[in-house]
N, C-alpha and C. Protein backbone atom coordinates (compact mmCIF):
# COMPACT_ATOMS: atom_id res chain seq x y z
N MET A 1 18.71 -61.22 -109.31
CA MET A 1 18.62 -62.18 -107.91
C MET A 1 20.09 -61.84 -107.62
N ASN A 2 21.20 -62.02 -108.54
CA ASN A 2 22.91 -61.32 -107.41
C ASN A 2 22.39 -60.00 -107.95
N ASN A 3 22.19 -58.97 -108.80
CA ASN A 3 22.33 -57.84 -108.32
C ASN A 3 21.42 -56.74 -107.44
N SER A 4 19.90 -57.77 -106.89
CA SER A 4 19.48 -57.51 -105.86
C SER A 4 19.95 -57.68 -104.58
N PHE A 5 20.89 -58.83 -104.79
CA PHE A 5 21.50 -59.01 -103.49
C PHE A 5 22.35 -58.63 -102.81
N ARG A 6 23.28 -57.77 -103.80
CA ARG A 6 24.81 -57.04 -103.29
C ARG A 6 24.34 -55.66 -103.75
N ASN A 7 22.77 -55.11 -103.89
CA ASN A 7 22.54 -53.91 -103.86
C ASN A 7 22.02 -53.82 -102.09
N SER A 8 20.98 -54.53 -101.59
CA SER A 8 20.63 -54.67 -100.26
C SER A 8 22.44 -54.98 -99.37
N ALA A 9 23.24 -56.17 -100.31
CA ALA A 9 24.58 -56.15 -99.07
C ALA A 9 24.58 -54.50 -98.88
N ARG A 10 25.30 -53.80 -99.92
CA ARG A 10 25.49 -52.53 -100.01
C ARG A 10 24.97 -52.12 -98.50
N LEU A 11 23.75 -51.66 -99.09
CA LEU A 11 22.91 -50.61 -97.94
C LEU A 11 22.92 -51.22 -96.66
N ALA A 12 23.12 -52.66 -96.51
CA ALA A 12 23.12 -53.07 -95.09
C ALA A 12 24.47 -52.61 -94.39
N TRP A 13 25.60 -52.20 -95.11
CA TRP A 13 27.12 -52.31 -94.82
C TRP A 13 27.43 -50.44 -94.64
N ALA A 14 26.60 -50.36 -95.58
CA ALA A 14 26.35 -48.48 -95.29
C ALA A 14 25.73 -48.39 -93.74
N ALA A 15 24.49 -48.81 -94.68
CA ALA A 15 23.74 -48.61 -92.58
C ALA A 15 24.49 -49.37 -91.51
N LEU A 16 25.55 -50.10 -91.25
CA LEU A 16 26.39 -51.04 -90.50
C LEU A 16 27.28 -49.63 -90.10
N ARG A 17 27.63 -48.70 -90.74
CA ARG A 17 28.96 -48.43 -90.37
C ARG A 17 28.10 -47.38 -90.35
N ALA A 18 27.28 -46.54 -90.68
CA ALA A 18 26.25 -45.92 -90.31
C ALA A 18 26.46 -45.47 -88.67
N LEU A 19 25.95 -47.21 -88.42
CA LEU A 19 25.92 -47.43 -86.64
C LEU A 19 26.86 -47.06 -85.78
N LEU A 20 28.78 -47.90 -86.40
CA LEU A 20 29.25 -47.77 -85.78
C LEU A 20 29.56 -46.53 -85.35
N VAL A 21 29.84 -45.33 -87.01
CA VAL A 21 31.01 -44.13 -86.69
C VAL A 21 29.91 -42.98 -85.32
N LEU A 22 28.10 -43.74 -86.01
CA LEU A 22 26.97 -42.48 -84.66
C LEU A 22 27.55 -42.85 -83.23
N THR A 23 27.92 -44.60 -83.24
CA THR A 23 27.32 -44.63 -81.89
C THR A 23 29.17 -44.09 -81.14
N VAL A 24 30.24 -44.50 -82.23
CA VAL A 24 31.07 -44.53 -81.56
C VAL A 24 31.33 -42.78 -81.16
N VAL A 25 30.62 -41.62 -82.31
CA VAL A 25 30.44 -40.21 -82.02
C VAL A 25 29.78 -39.93 -80.47
N THR A 26 28.22 -39.86 -80.93
CA THR A 26 27.57 -39.87 -79.31
C THR A 26 27.15 -40.62 -78.26
N GLY A 27 28.04 -42.13 -78.46
CA GLY A 27 28.00 -43.18 -77.14
C GLY A 27 28.76 -42.93 -76.40
N VAL A 28 30.63 -42.03 -77.33
CA VAL A 28 31.95 -42.02 -76.39
C VAL A 28 32.48 -40.60 -76.41
N ILE A 29 32.53 -40.10 -78.06
CA ILE A 29 33.60 -38.97 -78.25
C ILE A 29 32.88 -38.22 -77.44
N TYR A 30 31.03 -37.59 -77.89
CA TYR A 30 30.25 -36.32 -77.38
C TYR A 30 30.36 -37.09 -75.68
N PRO A 31 29.98 -37.17 -75.52
CA PRO A 31 30.18 -37.72 -74.26
C PRO A 31 31.08 -37.55 -73.16
N LEU A 32 32.38 -38.26 -73.23
CA LEU A 32 33.58 -37.47 -72.47
C LEU A 32 33.88 -36.26 -73.64
N ALA A 33 33.51 -35.82 -74.19
CA ALA A 33 33.69 -34.28 -74.33
C ALA A 33 32.79 -33.23 -73.20
N VAL A 34 31.40 -33.38 -73.15
CA VAL A 34 30.92 -32.76 -71.87
C VAL A 34 31.48 -33.16 -71.16
N TRP A 35 31.74 -34.81 -70.38
CA TRP A 35 32.53 -34.77 -68.88
C TRP A 35 34.13 -33.55 -69.27
N GLY A 36 34.46 -33.49 -70.05
CA GLY A 36 35.96 -33.18 -69.55
C GLY A 36 35.74 -31.70 -69.66
N VAL A 37 34.97 -31.18 -70.61
CA VAL A 37 34.22 -29.77 -70.66
C VAL A 37 33.45 -29.47 -69.08
N ALA A 38 33.02 -29.82 -68.67
CA ALA A 38 32.19 -30.04 -67.31
C ALA A 38 32.85 -30.06 -66.11
N GLN A 39 34.51 -30.99 -66.05
CA GLN A 39 35.16 -31.02 -65.25
C GLN A 39 35.79 -30.19 -65.02
N ALA A 40 36.79 -28.93 -66.36
CA ALA A 40 37.16 -27.91 -66.84
C ALA A 40 36.48 -26.66 -65.82
N ALA A 41 35.79 -26.58 -66.46
CA ALA A 41 34.86 -25.18 -66.18
C ALA A 41 34.11 -25.33 -64.75
N PHE A 42 33.49 -26.15 -64.75
CA PHE A 42 32.49 -26.43 -63.65
C PHE A 42 32.80 -27.60 -62.74
N ASN A 43 33.84 -28.14 -62.54
CA ASN A 43 33.92 -29.09 -61.46
C ASN A 43 33.21 -29.58 -60.74
N GLY A 44 32.71 -28.37 -59.59
CA GLY A 44 32.01 -28.44 -58.32
C GLY A 44 31.04 -28.59 -58.84
N LYS A 45 30.06 -28.13 -59.65
CA LYS A 45 28.65 -27.66 -60.76
C LYS A 45 28.96 -29.76 -60.69
N ALA A 46 29.96 -30.54 -61.36
CA ALA A 46 29.41 -31.59 -62.07
C ALA A 46 29.54 -32.32 -60.94
N ASN A 47 29.91 -31.95 -60.71
CA ASN A 47 30.70 -33.46 -58.85
C ASN A 47 29.28 -33.09 -57.60
N GLY A 48 28.04 -32.91 -58.04
CA GLY A 48 27.51 -32.54 -56.72
C GLY A 48 27.37 -31.38 -56.24
N SER A 49 28.14 -30.30 -56.60
CA SER A 49 28.09 -29.58 -55.42
C SER A 49 28.60 -29.84 -53.77
N GLN A 50 29.80 -30.61 -53.96
CA GLN A 50 30.25 -31.42 -52.69
C GLN A 50 30.12 -30.42 -51.91
N VAL A 51 30.04 -30.44 -50.30
CA VAL A 51 30.55 -29.68 -49.84
C VAL A 51 31.93 -30.58 -48.96
N LYS A 52 32.90 -29.82 -48.31
CA LYS A 52 34.03 -30.92 -47.66
C LYS A 52 34.56 -29.96 -46.46
N VAL A 53 34.82 -30.85 -45.04
CA VAL A 53 35.67 -30.68 -44.22
C VAL A 53 36.60 -31.13 -43.98
N ASP A 54 37.98 -30.55 -44.01
CA ASP A 54 39.18 -31.78 -43.62
C ASP A 54 39.25 -32.50 -45.16
N GLY A 55 38.82 -32.32 -46.05
CA GLY A 55 38.55 -33.32 -47.23
C GLY A 55 38.26 -34.34 -47.33
N LYS A 56 37.11 -34.52 -45.72
CA LYS A 56 35.58 -34.90 -45.86
C LYS A 56 34.69 -34.20 -46.73
N VAL A 57 34.07 -35.28 -47.28
CA VAL A 57 32.77 -34.65 -48.00
C VAL A 57 31.85 -34.75 -46.64
N VAL A 58 31.00 -33.79 -46.61
CA VAL A 58 30.30 -33.45 -45.50
C VAL A 58 28.93 -33.74 -46.03
N GLY A 59 28.97 -33.63 -47.05
CA GLY A 59 26.80 -33.03 -47.71
C GLY A 59 27.53 -32.59 -48.93
N SER A 60 26.38 -31.61 -49.44
CA SER A 60 25.91 -31.04 -50.89
C SER A 60 25.01 -29.56 -50.13
N SER A 61 26.19 -29.09 -51.58
CA SER A 61 24.93 -27.45 -50.97
C SER A 61 23.47 -27.96 -51.34
N LEU A 62 23.35 -28.26 -52.83
CA LEU A 62 22.68 -28.47 -53.61
C LEU A 62 21.12 -29.25 -52.36
N LEU A 63 21.13 -30.52 -51.38
CA LEU A 63 20.28 -31.04 -50.79
C LEU A 63 20.45 -31.24 -49.31
N GLY A 64 19.24 -31.07 -48.48
CA GLY A 64 18.88 -30.78 -47.52
C GLY A 64 19.00 -31.94 -46.79
N GLN A 65 19.43 -32.01 -44.98
CA GLN A 65 19.98 -32.74 -44.53
C GLN A 65 20.13 -33.19 -43.19
N ASN A 66 19.37 -34.02 -42.18
CA ASN A 66 19.42 -33.68 -40.31
C ASN A 66 20.62 -33.29 -40.01
N PHE A 67 19.74 -32.46 -38.95
CA PHE A 67 21.11 -32.47 -38.12
C PHE A 67 20.11 -33.02 -37.01
N ASN A 68 20.49 -34.28 -36.84
CA ASN A 68 19.27 -35.04 -34.95
C ASN A 68 20.76 -35.78 -34.03
N LEU A 69 20.12 -35.25 -33.01
CA LEU A 69 20.80 -36.60 -32.02
C LEU A 69 20.93 -37.94 -32.32
N PRO A 70 21.96 -38.63 -32.16
CA PRO A 70 21.19 -39.52 -32.51
C PRO A 70 20.33 -40.93 -31.28
N LYS A 71 19.64 -41.49 -32.31
CA LYS A 71 18.59 -42.39 -31.30
C LYS A 71 19.31 -43.40 -30.19
N LYS A 72 18.66 -43.38 -30.07
CA LYS A 72 18.51 -44.20 -28.43
C LYS A 72 18.36 -45.66 -28.86
N ASN A 73 17.86 -46.37 -29.45
CA ASN A 73 17.98 -47.51 -30.19
C ASN A 73 17.71 -47.31 -31.82
N PRO A 74 19.27 -47.30 -32.73
CA PRO A 74 19.20 -47.29 -33.88
C PRO A 74 18.78 -48.32 -34.63
N SER A 75 18.42 -49.81 -33.77
CA SER A 75 17.16 -50.35 -34.43
C SER A 75 15.92 -50.51 -34.82
N ASP A 76 15.54 -50.13 -33.75
CA ASP A 76 13.99 -49.56 -34.05
C ASP A 76 13.88 -48.36 -35.13
N ALA A 77 13.21 -48.74 -35.29
CA ALA A 77 11.96 -48.17 -36.53
C ALA A 77 11.24 -47.05 -36.38
N ASN A 78 10.61 -47.80 -34.96
CA ASN A 78 9.66 -46.81 -35.00
C ASN A 78 9.80 -45.40 -33.89
N GLU A 79 11.05 -45.36 -33.35
CA GLU A 79 11.64 -44.69 -32.26
C GLU A 79 12.19 -43.01 -33.29
N THR A 80 11.82 -41.79 -32.84
CA THR A 80 11.38 -40.97 -33.86
C THR A 80 12.67 -40.23 -33.19
N ALA A 81 14.03 -39.50 -34.65
CA ALA A 81 14.87 -39.12 -34.10
C ALA A 81 14.35 -37.40 -33.38
N GLN A 82 15.40 -36.87 -32.83
CA GLN A 82 14.85 -35.93 -31.86
C GLN A 82 16.14 -34.97 -32.53
N PRO A 83 15.68 -33.78 -32.77
CA PRO A 83 16.63 -32.37 -33.07
C PRO A 83 17.90 -32.32 -32.52
N ASP A 84 18.52 -32.09 -32.94
CA ASP A 84 19.94 -31.50 -32.03
C ASP A 84 19.74 -30.53 -31.81
N PRO A 85 20.26 -29.88 -30.30
CA PRO A 85 19.71 -28.53 -30.18
C PRO A 85 20.92 -27.39 -30.52
N LYS A 86 21.95 -28.34 -30.80
CA LYS A 86 23.73 -27.42 -31.42
C LYS A 86 23.48 -26.94 -32.82
N TRP A 87 22.00 -27.46 -32.81
CA TRP A 87 22.31 -27.00 -34.74
C TRP A 87 21.82 -26.70 -35.20
N PHE A 88 21.82 -25.37 -36.61
CA PHE A 88 21.05 -24.93 -36.84
C PHE A 88 19.81 -26.38 -37.73
N GLN A 89 18.73 -26.02 -37.02
CA GLN A 89 17.85 -27.39 -38.17
C GLN A 89 17.29 -26.84 -39.59
N PRO A 90 16.48 -27.76 -40.42
CA PRO A 90 16.19 -26.89 -41.68
C PRO A 90 15.13 -27.74 -41.45
N ARG A 91 14.43 -27.01 -42.59
CA ARG A 91 12.98 -27.17 -42.40
C ARG A 91 12.35 -28.76 -42.91
N PRO A 92 11.18 -29.07 -42.46
CA PRO A 92 10.82 -30.61 -42.21
C PRO A 92 11.14 -31.35 -43.80
N SER A 93 10.43 -32.58 -44.07
CA SER A 93 11.26 -32.98 -44.90
C SER A 93 10.03 -34.36 -44.79
N ALA A 94 9.66 -35.01 -45.48
CA ALA A 94 8.34 -35.53 -45.94
C ALA A 94 9.02 -37.16 -47.57
N ALA A 95 10.42 -36.38 -47.72
CA ALA A 95 11.14 -37.39 -48.35
C ALA A 95 11.81 -38.62 -47.00
N GLY A 96 11.03 -39.88 -47.63
CA GLY A 96 11.24 -41.11 -46.86
C GLY A 96 10.76 -41.29 -45.38
N THR A 97 11.40 -42.38 -44.51
CA THR A 97 10.77 -42.22 -43.40
C THR A 97 10.96 -40.85 -42.45
N ASP A 98 12.64 -40.94 -42.53
CA ASP A 98 12.84 -40.12 -41.18
C ASP A 98 12.89 -38.50 -41.59
N GLY A 99 12.86 -38.56 -43.65
CA GLY A 99 12.48 -37.28 -43.25
C GLY A 99 14.61 -37.22 -44.72
N TYR A 100 14.19 -36.02 -45.17
CA TYR A 100 15.81 -35.89 -46.67
C TYR A 100 16.33 -37.62 -46.97
N ASP A 101 15.40 -38.19 -47.68
CA ASP A 101 15.88 -39.00 -48.09
C ASP A 101 16.32 -39.08 -49.78
N THR A 102 17.17 -39.35 -50.14
CA THR A 102 18.08 -38.91 -50.94
C THR A 102 17.29 -39.66 -52.15
N THR A 103 16.43 -41.11 -52.44
CA THR A 103 15.96 -42.26 -51.89
C THR A 103 14.76 -41.70 -52.78
N ALA A 104 14.52 -41.00 -51.86
CA ALA A 104 12.75 -41.03 -51.57
C ALA A 104 11.75 -39.44 -51.71
N SER A 105 12.48 -39.02 -52.60
CA SER A 105 12.38 -37.23 -52.43
C SER A 105 10.98 -37.74 -53.14
N GLY A 106 10.12 -36.23 -52.63
CA GLY A 106 9.01 -36.28 -52.70
C GLY A 106 8.02 -35.31 -51.88
N ALA A 107 7.17 -34.72 -51.85
CA ALA A 107 6.15 -34.68 -50.67
C ALA A 107 5.29 -35.31 -50.35
N SER A 108 4.31 -34.97 -49.12
CA SER A 108 3.23 -35.68 -48.90
C SER A 108 2.33 -35.26 -49.96
N ASN A 109 1.43 -35.41 -51.19
CA ASN A 109 0.53 -34.65 -51.54
C ASN A 109 -0.57 -34.73 -50.56
N LEU A 110 -0.43 -33.59 -50.00
CA LEU A 110 -1.68 -33.45 -48.91
C LEU A 110 -2.46 -31.72 -49.51
N GLY A 111 -3.22 -31.05 -49.64
CA GLY A 111 -3.83 -30.75 -49.86
C GLY A 111 -3.54 -29.46 -49.09
N PRO A 112 -3.50 -28.31 -48.96
CA PRO A 112 -3.86 -27.62 -47.51
C PRO A 112 -5.47 -27.05 -46.62
N SER A 113 -6.25 -27.52 -47.26
CA SER A 113 -7.41 -27.76 -46.92
C SER A 113 -7.89 -29.55 -46.32
N ASN A 114 -6.66 -30.40 -46.53
CA ASN A 114 -6.74 -31.72 -45.61
C ASN A 114 -6.47 -31.70 -44.71
N PRO A 115 -7.17 -31.82 -43.32
CA PRO A 115 -7.30 -32.73 -41.92
C PRO A 115 -6.01 -32.91 -41.32
N LYS A 116 -5.47 -33.53 -42.07
CA LYS A 116 -4.24 -34.73 -41.49
C LYS A 116 -3.42 -33.29 -41.65
N LEU A 117 -2.89 -32.31 -42.74
CA LEU A 117 -2.01 -31.56 -43.65
C LEU A 117 -1.50 -30.42 -42.33
N VAL A 118 -3.06 -29.93 -41.76
CA VAL A 118 -4.12 -28.70 -41.20
C VAL A 118 -2.97 -29.46 -39.24
N GLN A 119 -3.62 -30.37 -39.57
CA GLN A 119 -3.31 -30.77 -37.64
C GLN A 119 -1.33 -30.94 -37.59
N THR A 120 -0.96 -31.58 -38.89
CA THR A 120 0.83 -31.93 -39.16
C THR A 120 1.64 -30.47 -39.29
N VAL A 121 0.70 -29.56 -39.22
CA VAL A 121 1.18 -28.34 -39.46
C VAL A 121 1.16 -27.62 -37.99
N ASN A 122 -0.16 -27.50 -37.99
CA ASN A 122 -0.04 -27.46 -36.33
C ASN A 122 1.43 -27.78 -35.08
N ASP A 123 0.41 -29.12 -35.08
CA ASP A 123 1.61 -29.84 -34.18
C ASP A 123 3.04 -29.21 -34.53
N ARG A 124 3.33 -29.08 -35.46
CA ARG A 124 5.32 -29.01 -35.90
C ARG A 124 4.98 -27.37 -35.78
N ARG A 125 4.74 -26.34 -35.61
CA ARG A 125 4.03 -24.86 -35.35
C ARG A 125 4.50 -25.31 -33.60
N LYS A 126 3.76 -26.18 -32.33
CA LYS A 126 4.08 -26.21 -31.70
C LYS A 126 6.17 -26.86 -31.56
N GLN A 127 6.33 -27.97 -31.77
CA GLN A 127 6.93 -28.34 -31.25
C GLN A 127 8.58 -26.95 -31.91
N VAL A 128 8.16 -26.39 -33.04
CA VAL A 128 9.03 -25.88 -33.12
C VAL A 128 9.52 -24.14 -32.18
N ALA A 129 8.48 -24.27 -31.51
CA ALA A 129 8.47 -22.96 -31.05
C ALA A 129 8.66 -22.90 -29.17
N GLU A 130 8.24 -24.14 -28.61
CA GLU A 130 8.90 -25.42 -27.79
C GLU A 130 10.18 -25.27 -28.16
N PHE A 131 10.53 -26.13 -28.81
CA PHE A 131 12.37 -26.06 -29.27
C PHE A 131 12.82 -25.45 -28.87
N ASN A 132 13.06 -24.15 -29.59
CA ASN A 132 13.33 -22.68 -29.85
C ASN A 132 12.87 -21.82 -28.23
N GLY A 133 12.10 -21.73 -27.39
CA GLY A 133 11.32 -20.97 -26.53
C GLY A 133 10.71 -19.47 -27.03
N VAL A 134 10.10 -19.58 -27.77
CA VAL A 134 9.37 -18.79 -28.99
C VAL A 134 7.88 -18.98 -28.91
N SER A 135 6.88 -17.38 -29.56
CA SER A 135 5.83 -18.15 -28.85
C SER A 135 5.68 -18.63 -30.29
N PRO A 136 4.60 -19.04 -30.80
CA PRO A 136 4.06 -20.14 -31.63
C PRO A 136 3.48 -19.35 -32.84
N SER A 137 3.36 -18.16 -32.40
CA SER A 137 2.60 -16.77 -33.78
C SER A 137 3.87 -16.62 -34.49
N GLN A 138 5.28 -16.49 -33.82
CA GLN A 138 6.99 -16.31 -34.28
C GLN A 138 7.52 -16.78 -35.35
N VAL A 139 6.30 -18.49 -34.79
CA VAL A 139 7.15 -19.64 -36.32
C VAL A 139 6.96 -19.15 -37.70
N PRO A 140 8.19 -19.12 -38.21
CA PRO A 140 7.76 -18.92 -40.10
C PRO A 140 7.31 -19.81 -40.65
N VAL A 141 6.78 -19.87 -41.68
CA VAL A 141 5.73 -21.29 -42.10
C VAL A 141 6.70 -21.78 -43.06
N ASP A 142 7.91 -21.81 -43.73
CA ASP A 142 8.67 -22.79 -43.65
C ASP A 142 9.84 -23.73 -42.58
N ALA A 143 9.16 -23.45 -41.85
CA ALA A 143 9.41 -23.99 -40.28
C ALA A 143 8.42 -25.74 -40.15
N VAL A 144 7.10 -25.05 -41.00
CA VAL A 144 6.16 -25.89 -40.70
C VAL A 144 6.15 -26.68 -41.16
N THR A 145 6.14 -26.75 -43.15
CA THR A 145 5.79 -26.72 -43.80
C THR A 145 7.07 -27.21 -45.11
N ALA A 146 7.06 -28.78 -45.63
CA ALA A 146 7.66 -29.22 -45.95
C ALA A 146 8.07 -28.48 -47.97
N SER A 147 9.16 -29.04 -48.16
CA SER A 147 9.16 -28.36 -49.90
C SER A 147 8.25 -29.28 -50.48
N GLY A 148 8.28 -29.11 -52.26
CA GLY A 148 7.65 -30.25 -52.99
C GLY A 148 8.54 -32.00 -52.83
N SER A 149 10.28 -31.51 -53.45
CA SER A 149 11.45 -32.19 -53.22
C SER A 149 11.40 -33.40 -51.43
N GLY A 150 11.32 -32.37 -50.96
CA GLY A 150 11.73 -32.68 -49.74
C GLY A 150 13.18 -32.90 -49.32
N LEU A 151 14.17 -32.30 -50.15
CA LEU A 151 15.47 -31.85 -50.07
C LEU A 151 15.74 -30.90 -50.32
N ASP A 152 14.82 -29.81 -49.72
CA ASP A 152 15.65 -28.31 -49.78
C ASP A 152 16.52 -28.51 -48.84
N PRO A 153 17.58 -26.84 -49.63
CA PRO A 153 18.73 -27.56 -48.75
C PRO A 153 19.37 -25.96 -47.59
N ASP A 154 17.92 -24.98 -48.02
CA ASP A 154 17.62 -24.00 -47.62
C ASP A 154 16.79 -23.75 -46.49
N ILE A 155 16.81 -22.45 -45.30
CA ILE A 155 15.65 -22.11 -45.04
C ILE A 155 15.26 -20.60 -44.79
N SER A 156 14.47 -20.04 -44.18
CA SER A 156 14.48 -18.74 -44.34
C SER A 156 15.02 -17.82 -43.63
N PRO A 157 15.82 -16.47 -44.06
CA PRO A 157 16.40 -15.61 -42.78
C PRO A 157 15.63 -15.65 -41.41
N GLU A 158 14.55 -15.51 -41.42
CA GLU A 158 13.58 -15.53 -40.40
C GLU A 158 13.37 -16.82 -39.59
N TYR A 159 13.19 -17.79 -40.27
CA TYR A 159 13.71 -19.15 -39.44
C TYR A 159 14.98 -19.22 -38.66
N ALA A 160 16.45 -18.97 -39.37
CA ALA A 160 17.49 -18.74 -39.49
C ALA A 160 17.35 -18.60 -37.70
N LYS A 161 16.95 -16.91 -37.82
CA LYS A 161 17.11 -15.48 -36.76
C LYS A 161 16.63 -16.33 -35.66
N LEU A 162 15.67 -17.76 -35.65
CA LEU A 162 14.77 -18.07 -34.43
C LEU A 162 15.22 -18.93 -33.76
N GLN A 163 16.00 -19.62 -34.21
CA GLN A 163 16.79 -20.40 -33.22
C GLN A 163 18.78 -19.89 -32.74
N VAL A 164 18.62 -18.93 -33.33
CA VAL A 164 19.56 -17.92 -32.87
C VAL A 164 19.79 -18.65 -31.47
N ASP A 165 19.01 -18.15 -30.62
CA ASP A 165 19.12 -17.70 -29.21
C ASP A 165 19.40 -19.30 -28.34
N ARG A 166 18.89 -20.63 -29.46
CA ARG A 166 18.47 -21.53 -29.35
C ARG A 166 20.33 -22.29 -28.89
N VAL A 167 20.71 -22.09 -29.85
CA VAL A 167 22.06 -22.57 -30.69
C VAL A 167 23.41 -21.72 -29.80
N ALA A 168 23.38 -21.19 -29.83
CA ALA A 168 23.79 -20.19 -28.90
C ALA A 168 24.03 -20.54 -27.35
N LYS A 169 22.85 -20.16 -26.71
CA LYS A 169 22.67 -20.78 -25.41
C LYS A 169 23.39 -22.80 -25.13
N ALA A 170 22.87 -23.54 -26.51
CA ALA A 170 23.29 -24.85 -26.47
C ALA A 170 25.00 -24.89 -26.54
N ARG A 171 25.71 -23.79 -27.25
CA ARG A 171 26.88 -24.38 -27.11
C ARG A 171 27.80 -23.10 -26.93
N HIS A 172 27.48 -22.32 -25.89
CA HIS A 172 27.62 -21.57 -24.95
C HIS A 172 28.33 -20.18 -25.53
N LEU A 173 27.79 -19.91 -26.71
CA LEU A 173 28.35 -18.91 -27.53
C LEU A 173 27.51 -17.74 -27.23
N ASP A 174 28.03 -16.45 -28.24
CA ASP A 174 27.80 -14.73 -28.09
C ASP A 174 26.51 -14.88 -28.96
N PRO A 175 25.67 -14.74 -28.45
CA PRO A 175 23.75 -14.73 -29.21
C PRO A 175 24.34 -13.62 -30.72
N ALA A 176 25.12 -13.00 -30.59
CA ALA A 176 25.55 -11.81 -31.36
C ALA A 176 26.18 -12.17 -32.22
N LYS A 177 27.21 -12.83 -32.06
CA LYS A 177 27.87 -14.04 -33.43
C LYS A 177 27.26 -14.74 -33.47
N VAL A 178 26.43 -15.32 -32.99
CA VAL A 178 26.02 -16.54 -33.99
C VAL A 178 24.98 -15.78 -35.02
N ALA A 179 24.03 -14.67 -34.38
CA ALA A 179 23.13 -13.97 -35.47
C ALA A 179 23.79 -13.47 -36.39
N LYS A 180 25.52 -12.60 -36.25
CA LYS A 180 26.12 -12.37 -37.27
C LYS A 180 26.38 -13.57 -38.52
N LEU A 181 26.62 -14.47 -37.86
CA LEU A 181 27.04 -15.58 -38.88
C LEU A 181 25.71 -16.20 -39.99
N VAL A 182 24.78 -15.90 -39.02
CA VAL A 182 23.31 -15.82 -39.79
C VAL A 182 23.24 -15.02 -41.03
N ALA A 183 22.95 -13.26 -40.35
CA ALA A 183 23.21 -12.61 -41.74
C ALA A 183 24.66 -12.86 -42.69
N ASP A 184 25.67 -13.24 -42.16
CA ASP A 184 26.62 -13.16 -43.27
C ASP A 184 26.91 -14.38 -44.69
N HIS A 185 25.43 -15.70 -43.78
CA HIS A 185 25.27 -17.00 -44.59
C HIS A 185 23.83 -16.67 -45.18
N THR A 186 23.16 -15.45 -45.64
CA THR A 186 22.06 -14.74 -45.48
C THR A 186 22.15 -13.87 -47.56
N ASP A 187 21.64 -15.69 -48.17
CA ASP A 187 21.68 -14.66 -49.99
C ASP A 187 20.18 -14.66 -50.61
N GLY A 188 20.56 -13.15 -51.39
CA GLY A 188 19.56 -12.23 -51.97
C GLY A 188 18.56 -13.14 -52.52
N ARG A 189 18.15 -12.32 -52.54
CA ARG A 189 17.54 -12.68 -54.07
C ARG A 189 18.17 -13.06 -55.52
N GLN A 190 17.70 -13.94 -56.33
CA GLN A 190 18.02 -14.67 -57.82
C GLN A 190 18.34 -12.84 -58.46
N LEU A 191 19.31 -13.02 -59.53
CA LEU A 191 18.95 -11.10 -60.02
C LEU A 191 18.61 -9.81 -59.09
N GLY A 192 18.72 -9.98 -57.67
CA GLY A 192 17.89 -9.10 -56.96
C GLY A 192 16.41 -8.79 -57.07
N PHE A 193 16.12 -10.31 -57.93
CA PHE A 193 14.09 -9.28 -57.88
C PHE A 193 14.36 -11.13 -58.03
N LEU A 194 14.71 -12.51 -58.12
CA LEU A 194 14.24 -12.88 -58.16
C LEU A 194 13.81 -14.43 -56.72
N GLY A 195 12.42 -15.03 -55.68
CA GLY A 195 12.72 -16.00 -55.23
C GLY A 195 13.13 -15.05 -53.96
N GLU A 196 12.90 -15.45 -52.81
CA GLU A 196 13.09 -14.71 -51.46
C GLU A 196 14.92 -15.02 -51.02
N PRO A 197 15.31 -14.19 -50.57
CA PRO A 197 16.25 -14.55 -48.91
C PRO A 197 16.12 -16.17 -48.49
N THR A 198 17.61 -16.97 -48.80
CA THR A 198 17.75 -17.62 -48.72
C THR A 198 19.03 -17.90 -47.82
N VAL A 199 19.20 -19.02 -46.81
CA VAL A 199 19.97 -19.56 -46.25
C VAL A 199 20.20 -20.88 -45.99
N ASN A 200 21.75 -21.22 -46.24
CA ASN A 200 22.22 -22.43 -46.69
C ASN A 200 21.79 -23.06 -45.44
N VAL A 201 21.46 -24.41 -44.94
CA VAL A 201 21.51 -24.92 -42.93
C VAL A 201 23.36 -25.54 -43.49
N LEU A 202 22.98 -26.29 -44.90
CA LEU A 202 24.55 -26.67 -44.28
C LEU A 202 26.19 -25.78 -44.20
N GLU A 203 25.93 -24.88 -44.51
CA GLU A 203 27.02 -24.64 -44.55
C GLU A 203 27.04 -23.31 -43.12
N LEU A 204 25.97 -22.88 -43.04
CA LEU A 204 26.03 -21.66 -41.89
C LEU A 204 26.17 -22.74 -40.64
N ASN A 205 25.76 -23.74 -40.84
CA ASN A 205 25.94 -24.95 -39.33
C ASN A 205 28.07 -25.54 -39.83
N ILE A 206 28.36 -25.19 -40.54
CA ILE A 206 29.61 -25.95 -40.87
C ILE A 206 30.69 -24.06 -40.08
N ALA A 207 29.97 -23.20 -41.05
CA ALA A 207 30.55 -22.05 -39.99
C ALA A 207 30.06 -22.58 -38.05
N LEU A 208 29.01 -22.71 -38.11
CA LEU A 208 28.87 -22.30 -36.80
C LEU A 208 30.25 -23.33 -35.87
N GLN A 209 30.21 -24.83 -36.41
CA GLN A 209 31.06 -25.54 -35.89
C GLN A 209 32.85 -24.72 -35.96
N GLN A 210 33.09 -23.86 -36.80
CA GLN A 210 34.18 -23.41 -37.60
C GLN A 210 33.91 -22.29 -36.12
N LEU A 211 32.81 -21.39 -35.61
CA LEU A 211 33.12 -20.61 -34.07
C LEU A 211 33.19 -21.50 -32.99
N ALA A 212 32.70 -22.21 -32.57
CA ALA A 212 32.94 -22.87 -31.92
C ALA A 212 34.17 -23.86 -31.61
N GLY A 213 35.05 -23.79 -32.37
CA GLY A 213 35.80 -24.41 -32.44
C GLY A 213 36.28 -25.94 -32.54
C-alpha cells in the first residue's frame, strides 16, 4: 500500500512539474519571444499596420473606413450619413449599421439573384453616378458592391479615377494633380500576376490632404 502511494505521489509530482515547465515555456517564454521578434522585425504589421499623421493614428492600411459628412443630428439613429465630396470614397460596406464597423465584419449574405441585392446595386449605381456627375454606365462594380468582410481598404483604379473631377472641384484643385495622386497610389498586381491593381483609400486621402495643404 505504501509503495503504491509513493509511486502515485511521484507520478503526480512529475506530472505537476511537467505542467509547470510547459506552462512557463508555452505560456510565457514563447509568447514573449514571438512578440519580441515581431516588434523588432515587423513593428508596423505587428501593431495593426497603423497609419499616422503628425504622430496621431488615423486608421489602418488594412481596414477601410467611412469619409462622411457629420450627421445633422448625431443622436438620430435613422439618419443616414452622407459622403463628403472632398474625399475619395470607399466601396459600400455591410459591416454594421453605417458600414465599416470593425466589430461587425461581414457581408450582406444576399445571393446575386436576390431581388433586394439587385435593387440595392441599382440604387447605389444611380447614387454614385449622381454624386460624381457621370453616367451610370461608367460606374465600376466595386463602387456598388460590398466586400465579403465589409472592411476592404482598397478600391479599383477605375473607381478612384471616377472620383477625381468631383474631389478636385470640391477642393478647388487642378484635376491633373489629383489624377496624378491616384496614379502614384495605385498598387499593381501582387508578384505581377496575382489579383487586380488597387488604390488604398486612406493613404490616397492623406496624400490629398497634404496636396490641399
